[in-house]
C-alpha atoms as a PDB file:
ATOM      1  CA  MET A   1       0.005  -0.015   0.112  1.00  0.00           C
ATOM      2  CA  SER A   2       2.936   2.323  -0.725  1.00  0.00           C
ATOM      3  CA  GLY A   3       1.981   5.821  -1.072  1.00  0.00           C
ATOM      4  CA  LEU A   4      -1.328   5.509   0.614  1.00  0.00           C
ATOM      5  CA  ARG A   5      -1.960   6.848   4.182  1.00  0.00           C
ATOM      6  CA  GLU A   6      -2.896   4.234   6.489  1.00  0.00           C
ATOM      7  CA  VAL A   7      -5.128   5.103   9.538  1.00  0.00           C
ATOM      8  CA  ARG A   8      -5.905   2.802  12.425  1.00  0.00           C
ATOM      9  CA  LEU A   9      -8.998   3.808  14.507  1.00  0.00           C
ATOM     10  CA  THR A  10     -10.589   2.434  17.651  1.00  0.00           C
ATOM     11  CA  THR A  11     -14.489   2.422  18.132  1.00  0.00           C
ATOM     12  CA  PRO A  12     -16.592   4.255  18.905  1.00  0.00           C
ATOM     13  CA  ILE A  13     -15.724   6.740  16.093  1.00  0.00           C
ATOM     14  CA  THR A  14     -15.577  10.298  17.254  1.00  0.00           C
ATOM     15  CA  ASP A  15     -16.017  13.370  15.321  1.00  0.00           C
ATOM     16  CA  GLU A  16     -12.392  14.001  15.580  1.00  0.00           C
ATOM     17  CA  ASP A  17     -11.831  10.894  13.906  1.00  0.00           C
ATOM     18  CA  VAL A  18     -13.887  11.442  11.030  1.00  0.00           C
ATOM     19  CA  ALA A  19     -12.732  14.928  10.580  1.00  0.00           C
ATOM     20  CA  GLY A  20      -9.264  13.538  10.322  1.00  0.00           C
ATOM     21  CA  LEU A  21      -9.849  11.182   7.415  1.00  0.00           C
ATOM     22  CA  ARG A  22      -9.127  12.001   3.876  1.00  0.00           C
ATOM     23  CA  GLN A  23     -10.632  10.384   0.699  1.00  0.00           C
ATOM     24  CA  GLY A  24      -8.714   7.258  -0.285  1.00  0.00           C
ATOM     25  CA  ASP A  25      -7.195   6.889   3.202  1.00  0.00           C
ATOM     26  CA  ILE A  26      -6.838   3.104   4.113  1.00  0.00           C
ATOM     27  CA  VAL A  27      -8.377   2.243   7.443  1.00  0.00           C
ATOM     28  CA  PHE A  28      -8.217  -0.357   9.993  1.00  0.00           C
ATOM     29  CA  LEU A  29     -10.331  -0.757  13.020  1.00  0.00           C
ATOM     30  CA  ASP A  30     -10.229  -2.023  16.556  1.00  0.00           C
ATOM     31  CA  GLY A  31     -13.008  -2.161  18.903  1.00  0.00           C
ATOM     32  CA  ALA A  32     -16.671  -3.363  17.923  1.00  0.00           C
ATOM     33  CA  VAL A  33     -18.597  -3.262  14.673  1.00  0.00           C
ATOM     34  CA  TYR A  34     -22.155  -4.701  13.923  1.00  0.00           C
ATOM     35  CA  THR A  35     -23.808  -5.776  10.711  1.00  0.00           C
ATOM     36  CA  ALA A  36     -27.143  -4.381   9.500  1.00  0.00           C
ATOM     37  CA  ARG A  37     -28.803  -4.525   6.361  1.00  0.00           C
ATOM     38  CA  GLU A  38     -32.322  -4.528   4.577  1.00  0.00           C
ATOM     39  CA  GLY A  39     -33.754  -7.064   7.140  1.00  0.00           C
ATOM     40  CA  ALA A  40     -32.885  -4.920  10.076  1.00  0.00           C
ATOM     41  CA  TYR A  41     -33.740  -1.776   8.495  1.00  0.00           C
ATOM     42  CA  LYS A  42     -37.089  -2.608   7.415  1.00  0.00           C
ATOM     43  CA  ARG A  43     -37.983  -3.780  10.883  1.00  0.00           C
ATOM     44  CA  VAL A  44     -36.652  -0.597  12.641  1.00  0.00           C
ATOM     45  CA  VAL A  45     -36.975   2.160  10.097  1.00  0.00           C
ATOM     46  CA  GLU A  46     -40.310   0.884   8.386  1.00  0.00           C
ATOM     47  CA  ASN A  47     -42.161  -0.807  10.916  1.00  0.00           C
ATOM     48  CA  GLY A  48     -40.999   1.137  14.020  1.00  0.00           C
ATOM     49  CA  ILE A  49     -39.895  -2.030  15.934  1.00  0.00           C
ATOM     50  CA  ALA A  50     -37.314  -1.066  18.542  1.00  0.00           C
ATOM     51  CA  LEU A  51     -34.087  -3.012  18.616  1.00  0.00           C
ATOM     52  CA  PRO A  52     -33.781  -5.550  21.403  1.00  0.00           C
ATOM     53  CA  VAL A  53     -30.155  -4.336  22.130  1.00  0.00           C
ATOM     54  CA  ASP A  54     -28.746  -0.813  22.769  1.00  0.00           C
ATOM     55  CA  ILE A  55     -26.748  -0.919  19.512  1.00  0.00           C
ATOM     56  CA  ALA A  56     -25.170   2.342  20.104  1.00  0.00           C
ATOM     57  CA  ALA A  57     -23.434   0.884  23.420  1.00  0.00           C
ATOM     58  CA  HIS A  58     -21.667  -1.693  21.414  1.00  0.00           C
ATOM     59  CA  SER A  59     -20.652   0.404  18.322  1.00  0.00           C
ATOM     60  CA  ASN A  60     -21.373   3.251  16.022  1.00  0.00           C
ATOM     61  CA  VAL A  61     -19.918   1.435  12.860  1.00  0.00           C
ATOM     62  CA  ASN A  62     -22.256  -0.534  10.811  1.00  0.00           C
ATOM     63  CA  PHE A  63     -20.955  -2.836   8.027  1.00  0.00           C
ATOM     64  CA  HIS A  64     -23.144  -3.654   5.260  1.00  0.00           C
ATOM     65  CA  CYS A  65     -22.302  -7.611   4.915  1.00  0.00           C
ATOM     66  CA  SER A  66     -23.304 -11.275   4.932  1.00  0.00           C
ATOM     67  CA  PRO A  67     -21.144 -13.079   7.238  1.00  0.00           C
ATOM     68  CA  ALA A  68     -19.996 -16.753   6.623  1.00  0.00           C
ATOM     69  CA  ALA A  69     -21.162 -17.830  10.080  1.00  0.00           C
ATOM     70  CA  SER A  70     -22.315 -20.780  11.770  1.00  0.00           C
ATOM     71  CA  VAL A  71     -23.727 -21.746  15.241  1.00  0.00           C
ATOM     72  CA  GLY A  72     -22.236 -24.978  17.113  1.00  0.00           C
ATOM     73  CA  ALA A  73     -23.983 -27.376  19.054  1.00  0.00           C
ATOM     74  CA  ASP A  74     -23.177 -25.598  22.202  1.00  0.00           C
ATOM     75  CA  GLY A  75     -24.602 -22.336  20.828  1.00  0.00           C
ATOM     76  CA  SER A  76     -21.411 -20.879  20.148  1.00  0.00           C
ATOM     77  CA  TYR A  77     -20.600 -18.901  17.186  1.00  0.00           C
ATOM     78  CA  SER A  78     -17.994 -19.279  14.539  1.00  0.00           C
ATOM     79  CA  VAL A  79     -17.213 -16.589  11.723  1.00  0.00           C
ATOM     80  CA  GLY A  80     -14.894 -17.503   8.926  1.00  0.00           C
ATOM     81  CA  ALA A  81     -15.328 -14.670   6.534  1.00  0.00           C
ATOM     82  CA  VAL A  82     -17.461 -11.496   6.126  1.00  0.00           C
ATOM     83  CA  THR A  83     -18.205 -10.407   2.607  1.00  0.00           C
ATOM     84  CA  ALA A  84     -19.322  -6.916   1.934  1.00  0.00           C
ATOM     85  CA  THR A  85     -22.656  -6.293   0.001  1.00  0.00           C
ATOM     86  CA  ALA A  86     -23.509  -3.256  -2.267  1.00  0.00           C
ATOM     87  CA  SER A  87     -24.513  -0.468  -0.057  1.00  0.00           C
ATOM     88  CA  PHE A  88     -26.657   1.571  -2.807  1.00  0.00           C
ATOM     89  CA  ARG A  89     -29.376  -0.865  -2.117  1.00  0.00           C
ATOM     90  CA  PHE A  90     -29.882   0.431   1.323  1.00  0.00           C
ATOM     91  CA  ALA A  91     -30.159   3.984   0.627  1.00  0.00           C
ATOM     92  CA  LYS A  92     -33.767   4.437   1.160  1.00  0.00           C
ATOM     93  CA  TRP A  93     -33.578   3.479   4.667  1.00  0.00           C
ATOM     94  CA  ILE A  94     -29.970   5.034   5.647  1.00  0.00           C
ATOM     95  CA  GLU A  95     -31.400   8.285   7.034  1.00  0.00           C
ATOM     96  CA  GLY A  96     -33.676   6.422   9.415  1.00  0.00           C
ATOM     97  CA  TRP A  97     -31.129   4.227  10.415  1.00  0.00           C
ATOM     98  CA  PHE A  98     -28.697   6.942  11.466  1.00  0.00           C
ATOM     99  CA  GLU A  99     -31.623   8.314  13.646  1.00  0.00           C
ATOM    100  CA  ALA A 100     -32.131   4.912  15.265  1.00  0.00           C
ATOM    101  CA  SER A 101     -28.763   3.839  15.813  1.00  0.00           C
ATOM    102  CA  SER A 102     -26.484   6.838  15.933  1.00  0.00           C
ATOM    103  CA  ALA A 103     -23.882   5.398  13.594  1.00  0.00           C
ATOM    104  CA  LYS A 104     -21.026   7.551  12.621  1.00  0.00           C
ATOM    105  CA  MET A 105     -19.486   5.150  10.045  1.00  0.00           C
ATOM    106  CA  ILE A 106     -21.054   2.966   7.368  1.00  0.00           C
ATOM    107  CA  ILE A 107     -18.882   0.360   5.546  1.00  0.00           C
ATOM    108  CA  GLY A 108     -19.811  -1.543   2.554  1.00  0.00           C
ATOM    109  CA  LYS A 109     -19.081  -2.142  -1.275  1.00  0.00           C
ATOM    110  CA  GLY A 110     -19.179   0.301  -3.826  1.00  0.00           C
ATOM    111  CA  GLY A 111     -20.322   3.432  -2.166  1.00  0.00           C
ATOM    112  CA  MET A 112     -23.314   5.429  -2.034  1.00  0.00           C
ATOM    113  CA  SER A 113     -24.440   8.552  -4.073  1.00  0.00           C
ATOM    114  CA  GLU A 114     -22.991  11.958  -3.668  1.00  0.00           C
ATOM    115  CA  GLU A 115     -26.476  13.309  -3.015  1.00  0.00           C
ATOM    116  CA  ILE A 116     -26.790  10.564  -0.123  1.00  0.00           C
ATOM    117  CA  TYR A 117     -23.396  11.830   1.108  1.00  0.00           C
ATOM    118  CA  ARG A 118     -23.951  15.392   1.014  1.00  0.00           C
ATOM    119  CA  ASP A 119     -27.576  15.153   2.622  1.00  0.00           C
ATOM    120  CA  ILE A 120     -27.638  12.487   5.001  1.00  0.00           C
ATOM    121  CA  PHE A 121     -23.879  11.831   5.925  1.00  0.00           C
ATOM    122  CA  VAL A 122     -22.471  15.322   6.148  1.00  0.00           C
ATOM    123  CA  PRO A 123     -25.087  16.724   8.491  1.00  0.00           C
ATOM    124  CA  ARG A 124     -24.457  13.833  10.751  1.00  0.00           C
ATOM    125  CA  GLY A 125     -20.715  14.080  10.747  1.00  0.00           C
ATOM    126  CA  ALA A 126     -20.682  10.484   9.275  1.00  0.00           C
ATOM    127  CA  VAL A 127     -18.400   8.892   6.757  1.00  0.00           C
ATOM    128  CA  TYR A 128     -18.438   5.937   4.222  1.00  0.00           C
ATOM    129  CA  LEU A 129     -15.833   3.282   3.804  1.00  0.00           C
ATOM    130  CA  THR A 130     -15.634   0.858   1.195  1.00  0.00           C
ATOM    131  CA  THR A 131     -13.923  -2.715   0.963  1.00  0.00           C
ATOM    132  CA  VAL A 132     -11.026  -3.103  -1.096  1.00  0.00           C
ATOM    133  CA  GLY A 133     -11.883  -5.101  -4.332  1.00  0.00           C
ATOM    134  CA  TYR A 134     -13.254  -8.683  -4.440  1.00  0.00           C
ATOM    135  CA  GLY A 135     -12.147 -11.782  -2.448  1.00  0.00           C
ATOM    136  CA  THR A 136     -11.423 -10.086   0.599  1.00  0.00           C
ATOM    137  CA  GLY A 137     -13.928 -11.820   2.878  1.00  0.00           C
ATOM    138  CA  ALA A 138     -11.326 -14.224   4.347  1.00  0.00           C
ATOM    139  CA  LEU A 139      -8.957 -11.327   5.144  1.00  0.00           C
ATOM    140  CA  LEU A 140     -11.613  -9.488   6.837  1.00  0.00           C
ATOM    141  CA  GLY A 141     -12.588 -12.431   8.758  1.00  0.00           C
ATOM    142  CA  ARG A 142      -9.172 -12.600  10.443  1.00  0.00           C
ATOM    143  CA  GLY A 143     -10.077  -9.253  12.271  1.00  0.00           C
ATOM    144  CA  ILE A 144     -12.830 -10.680  14.060  1.00  0.00           C
ATOM    145  CA  ARG A 145     -12.065 -11.661  17.489  1.00  0.00           C
ATOM    146  CA  GLU A 146     -15.367 -12.498  18.981  1.00  0.00           C
ATOM    147  CA  VAL A 147     -18.937 -12.692  18.100  1.00  0.00           C
ATOM    148  CA  VAL A 148     -20.715 -10.514  21.087  1.00  0.00           C
ATOM    149  CA  ASP A 149     -24.241 -11.262  19.826  1.00  0.00           C
ATOM    150  CA  ALA A 150     -26.692 -12.186  16.921  1.00  0.00           C
ATOM    151  CA  VAL A 151     -29.573 -10.194  16.914  1.00  0.00           C
ATOM    152  CA  TRP A 152     -32.744 -11.559  15.298  1.00  0.00           C
ATOM    153  CA  LEU A 153     -30.861 -14.575  14.214  1.00  0.00           C
ATOM    154  CA  ASP A 154     -33.814 -17.013  14.482  1.00  0.00           C
ATOM    155  CA  ASP A 155     -36.354 -15.140  12.421  1.00  0.00           C
ATOM    156  CA  LEU A 156     -33.988 -13.281   9.936  1.00  0.00           C
ATOM    157  CA  GLY A 157     -31.421 -15.659   9.468  1.00  0.00           C
ATOM    158  CA  ILE A 158     -27.588 -15.441   9.135  1.00  0.00           C
ATOM    159  CA  ALA A 159     -27.523 -13.215   6.404  1.00  0.00           C
ATOM    160  CA  GLN A 160     -29.988 -10.565   7.692  1.00  0.00           C
ATOM    161  CA  ALA A 161     -29.552 -10.781  11.532  1.00  0.00           C
ATOM    162  CA  ILE A 162     -27.433  -8.042  13.294  1.00  0.00           C
ATOM    163  CA  TRP A 163     -24.192  -9.456  14.253  1.00  0.00           C
ATOM    164  CA  ILE A 164     -21.946  -7.628  16.653  1.00  0.00           C
ATOM    165  CA  PHE A 165     -18.197  -8.310  16.549  1.00  0.00           C
ATOM    166  CA  LYS A 166     -15.303  -7.626  18.450  1.00  0.00           C
ATOM    167  CA  ILE A 167     -12.474  -6.779  16.021  1.00  0.00           C
ATOM    168  CA  GLU A 168      -8.695  -6.165  15.959  1.00  0.00           C
ATOM    169  CA  LYS A 169      -7.038  -4.796  12.940  1.00  0.00           C
ATOM    170  CA  PHE A 170     -10.316  -4.984  11.089  1.00  0.00           C
ATOM    171  CA  GLY A 171      -9.907  -3.966   7.311  1.00  0.00           C
ATOM    172  CA  PRO A 172      -8.433  -2.677   4.932  1.00  0.00           C
ATOM    173  CA  PHE A 173     -11.056  -0.232   3.909  1.00  0.00           C
ATOM    174  CA  ILE A 174     -11.076   2.811   1.828  1.00  0.00           C
ATOM    175  CA  VAL A 175     -12.534   6.387   2.661  1.00  0.00           C
ATOM    176  CA  ASP A 176     -15.008   7.109  -0.055  1.00  0.00           C
ATOM    177  CA  SER A 177     -17.003  10.101   1.304  1.00  0.00           C
ATOM    178  CA  ASP A 178     -15.671  13.420   2.667  1.00  0.00           C
ATOM    179  CA  GLY A 179     -17.008  16.438   4.600  1.00  0.00           C
ATOM    180  CA  GLU A 180     -18.211  18.046   1.637  1.00  0.00           C
ATOM    181  CA  GLY A 181     -20.350  15.066   0.459  1.00  0.00           C
ATOM    182  CA  THR A 182     -18.066  14.093  -2.494  1.00  0.00           C
ATOM    183  CA  SER A 183     -17.426  10.500  -3.469  1.00  0.00           C
ATOM    184  CA  LEU A 184     -13.924   9.090  -4.386  1.00  0.00           C
ATOM    185  CA  PHE A 185     -15.798   6.926  -6.717  1.00  0.00           C
ATOM    186  CA  ALA A 186     -17.582   9.475  -8.478  1.00  0.00           C
ATOM    187  CA  LYS A 187     -14.768  11.665  -8.616  1.00  0.00           C
ATOM    188  CA  SER A 188     -12.733   8.702 -10.460  1.00  0.00           C
ATOM    189  CA  ASN A 189     -15.582   8.116 -12.766  1.00  0.00           C
ATOM    190  CA  ARG A 190     -15.941  11.669 -13.910  1.00  0.00           C
ATOM    191  CA  GLU A 191     -12.288  11.678 -14.692  1.00  0.00           C
ATOM    192  CA  ILE A 192     -12.102   8.425 -16.510  1.00  0.00           C
ATOM    193  CA  GLU A 193     -15.364   9.332 -18.593  1.00  0.00           C
ATOM    194  CA  SER A 194     -13.712  12.668 -19.428  1.00  0.00           C
ATOM    195  CA  ARG A 195     -11.192  10.746 -21.433  1.00  0.00           C
ATOM    196  CA  LEU A 196     -13.022   8.018 -22.771  1.00  0.00           C
ATOM    197  CA  ASP A 197     -13.662   9.626 -26.318  1.00  0.00           C
ATOM    198  CA  GLY A 198      -9.876   9.861 -26.602  1.00  0.00           C
ATOM    199  CA  LEU A 199      -9.392   6.388 -26.863  1.00  0.00           C
ATOM    200  CA  TYR A 200     -10.381   6.222 -30.379  1.00  0.00           C
ATOM    201  CA  ASP A 201      -8.193   9.117 -31.530  1.00  0.00           C
ATOM    202  CA  GLY A 202      -5.878   8.249 -34.436  1.00  0.00           C
ATOM    203  CA  LEU A 203      -7.497   4.684 -35.016  1.00  0.00           C
ATOM    204  CA  LYS A 204      -8.814   3.719 -38.394  1.00  0.00           C
ATOM    205  CA  PRO A 205     -12.538   2.681 -38.657  1.00  0.00           C
ATOM    206  CA  ALA A 206     -12.999  -1.192 -38.623  1.00  0.00           C
ATOM    207  CA  ILE A 207     -13.075  -2.487 -42.096  1.00  0.00           C
ATOM    208  CA  LEU A 208     -15.682  -5.043 -41.011  1.00  0.00           C
ATOM    209  CA  SER A 209     -18.278  -4.221 -38.523  1.00  0.00           C
ATOM    210  CA  ARG A 210     -21.487  -5.458 -37.045  1.00  0.00           C
ATOM    211  CA  TYR A 211     -24.835  -3.754 -37.797  1.00  0.00           C
ATOM    212  CA  GLY A 212     -25.194  -0.904 -35.633  1.00  0.00           C
ATOM    213  CA  GLU A 213     -21.747  -0.916 -34.383  1.00  0.00           C
ATOM    214  CA  THR A 214     -20.397   2.668 -33.218  1.00  0.00           C
ATOM    215  CA  THR A 215     -17.609   4.172 -31.409  1.00  0.00           C
ATOM    216  CA  ALA A 216     -20.167   6.898 -30.245  1.00  0.00           C
ATOM    217  CA  ARG A 217     -21.193   6.360 -26.879  1.00  0.00           C
ATOM    218  CA  ASP A 218     -24.320   8.325 -27.124  1.00  0.00           C
ATOM    219  CA  ASP A 219     -25.534   6.254 -30.025  1.00  0.00           C
ATOM    220  CA  GLU A 220     -27.867   3.565 -29.896  1.00  0.00           C
ATOM    221  CA  VAL A 221     -29.449   1.226 -32.401  1.00  0.00           C
ATOM    222  CA  ILE A 222     -33.106   0.233 -31.684  1.00  0.00           C
END
């Protein structure tokens, strides 16, 4: 990770922690983190069902993921890996979840929109972190030291339950959002898209082409 700034934080995340982060920072976490996604969001945000645990007392970091977890015969839990899921799918619940949970950090895959960051994250002093590429579930699983609880496991199942983990050097994650509500993903996409047309500069048109084939990205054959 040469050239990238590495930051290690301990939960609960503070306002000072968030203010000290920069887009592109590589973050590792100690302390505790919990998983929550649409199953929990629907219950709490849409249906107004109170959480059976004080989630804020455990952590203010919400990880959008599905753990590879199992329950032993003695009732103990084992987690081998935790794979992030795409956060944009949960956008409609995120404001309500912030209100219910007092979260300061959301971790997931792929980021959320700059509008969500600007209108929902920034006013609450919250930040979004994304996982690093694919295939990191086992790597992240190494940072889980203990399963504290599995809330609503019996009726929501492994993927949708709220899992509370004790963690140590949990990561790596990349900071996507910033205090202005911009997204590292969106910035990079805009930069790439601004130069795409230039890929064809100096190239001769293909001698043989399929019907409707074009190098103009705005063209569409119906």
